[in-house]
Amino acid sequence: MKFLLDTHTFLWWITDDFRLSLRVREIISRGENKLFLSATRTSTNLTHTPLNSVIAPSLIVW
């Protein structure tokens, strides 16, 4: 299946945040699912966020 991830969902997934439900974690982890993230929306969020509050790993493997 195809899934469009909300920016918060994506950030919670890459930072292993407790707010992400087990069901969503399972969906994201399944190799047969295709995951999409809106680059425009993500860049908008990041430009309106103080740089010291953004935590992300240096390497993300899809």
C-alpha atoms as a PDB file:
ATOM      1  CA  MET A   1       0.000   0.000   0.000  1.00  0.00           C
ATOM      2  CA  LYS A   2       0.977   3.645  -0.360  1.00  0.00           C
ATOM      3  CA  PHE A   3       1.124   5.976   2.631  1.00  0.00           C
ATOM      4  CA  LEU A   4       1.702   9.719   2.798  1.00  0.00           C
ATOM      5  CA  LEU A   5       3.415  10.442   6.108  1.00  0.00           C
ATOM      6  CA  ASP A   6       2.595  13.546   8.062  1.00  0.00           C
ATOM      7  CA  THR A   7       5.710  15.514   9.033  1.00  0.00           C
ATOM      8  CA  HIS A   8       5.201  14.768  12.724  1.00  0.00           C
ATOM      9  CA  THR A   9       4.740  11.072  12.016  1.00  0.00           C
ATOM     10  CA  PHE A  10       8.007  11.002  10.090  1.00  0.00           C
ATOM     11  CA  LEU A  11       9.924  12.903  12.772  1.00  0.00           C
ATOM     12  CA  TRP A  12       8.492  10.725  15.540  1.00  0.00           C
ATOM     13  CA  TRP A  13       9.489   7.604  13.585  1.00  0.00           C
ATOM     14  CA  ILE A  14      13.101   8.638  12.960  1.00  0.00           C
ATOM     15  CA  THR A  15      13.535   9.755  16.574  1.00  0.00           C
ATOM     16  CA  ASP A  16      11.720   6.697  18.009  1.00  0.00           C
ATOM     17  CA  ASP A  17       9.229   8.947  19.803  1.00  0.00           C
ATOM     18  CA  PHE A  18       6.769   7.276  22.174  1.00  0.00           C
ATOM     19  CA  ARG A  19       3.855   9.227  20.644  1.00  0.00           C
ATOM     20  CA  LEU A  20       3.927   7.064  17.506  1.00  0.00           C
ATOM     21  CA  SER A  21       1.461   4.210  17.876  1.00  0.00           C
ATOM     22  CA  LEU A  22       2.458   0.581  17.495  1.00  0.00           C
ATOM     23  CA  ARG A  23       0.097   0.255  14.497  1.00  0.00           C
ATOM     24  CA  VAL A  24       1.787   3.135  12.652  1.00  0.00           C
ATOM     25  CA  ARG A  25       5.239   1.719  13.491  1.00  0.00           C
ATOM     26  CA  GLU A  26       4.181  -1.599  11.940  1.00  0.00           C
ATOM     27  CA  ILE A  27       2.907   0.107   8.783  1.00  0.00           C
ATOM     28  CA  ILE A  28       6.114   2.112   8.364  1.00  0.00           C
ATOM     29  CA  SER A  29       8.332  -0.905   9.033  1.00  0.00           C
ATOM     30  CA  ARG A  30       6.700  -3.158   6.435  1.00  0.00           C
ATOM     31  CA  GLY A  31       8.980  -3.384   3.416  1.00  0.00           C
ATOM     32  CA  GLU A  32       6.136  -3.851   0.942  1.00  0.00           C
ATOM     33  CA  ASN A  33       4.536  -0.491   1.840  1.00  0.00           C
ATOM     34  CA  LYS A  34       5.529   2.587  -0.138  1.00  0.00           C
ATOM     35  CA  LEU A  35       6.072   5.638   2.050  1.00  0.00           C
ATOM     36  CA  PHE A  36       5.867   9.220   0.833  1.00  0.00           C
ATOM     37  CA  LEU A  37       6.713  12.477   2.541  1.00  0.00           C
ATOM     38  CA  SER A  38       5.825  15.904   1.201  1.00  0.00           C
ATOM     39  CA  ALA A  39       9.122  17.733   0.670  1.00  0.00           C
ATOM     40  CA  THR A  40       7.333  21.081   0.466  1.00  0.00           C
ATOM     41  CA  ARG A  41       5.511  20.625   3.752  1.00  0.00           C
ATOM     42  CA  THR A  42       8.636  19.329   5.507  1.00  0.00           C
ATOM     43  CA  SER A  43      10.771  22.233   4.332  1.00  0.00           C
ATOM     44  CA  THR A  44       8.058  24.686   5.438  1.00  0.00           C
ATOM     45  CA  ASN A  45       7.988  23.133   8.896  1.00  0.00           C
ATOM     46  CA  LEU A  46      11.756  23.199   9.201  1.00  0.00           C
ATOM     47  CA  THR A  47      12.034  26.834   8.137  1.00  0.00           C
ATOM     48  CA  HIS A  48       9.581  27.783  10.887  1.00  0.00           C
ATOM     49  CA  THR A  49      11.359  25.740  13.558  1.00  0.00           C
ATOM     50  CA  PRO A  50      14.370  26.906  15.578  1.00  0.00           C
ATOM     51  CA  LEU A  51      17.433  24.977  14.407  1.00  0.00           C
ATOM     52  CA  ASN A  52      18.331  23.877  17.907  1.00  0.00           C
ATOM     53  CA  SER A  53      15.005  22.053  18.297  1.00  0.00           C
ATOM     54  CA  VAL A  54      15.296  19.808  15.221  1.00  0.00           C
ATOM     55  CA  ILE A  55      16.669  16.378  16.057  1.00  0.00           C
ATOM     56  CA  ALA A  56      17.259  13.939  13.226  1.00  0.00           C
ATOM     57  CA  PRO A  57      19.734  11.169  12.588  1.00  0.00           C
ATOM     58  CA  SER A  58      22.544  11.913  10.169  1.00  0.00           C
ATOM     59  CA  LEU A  59      21.642   8.958   7.968  1.00  0.00           C
ATOM     60  CA  ILE A  60      18.202   7.630   7.102  1.00  0.00           C
ATOM     61  CA  VAL A  61      18.014   4.364   5.195  1.00  0.00           C
ATOM     62  CA  TRP A  62      14.776   3.599   3.351  1.00  0.00           C
END
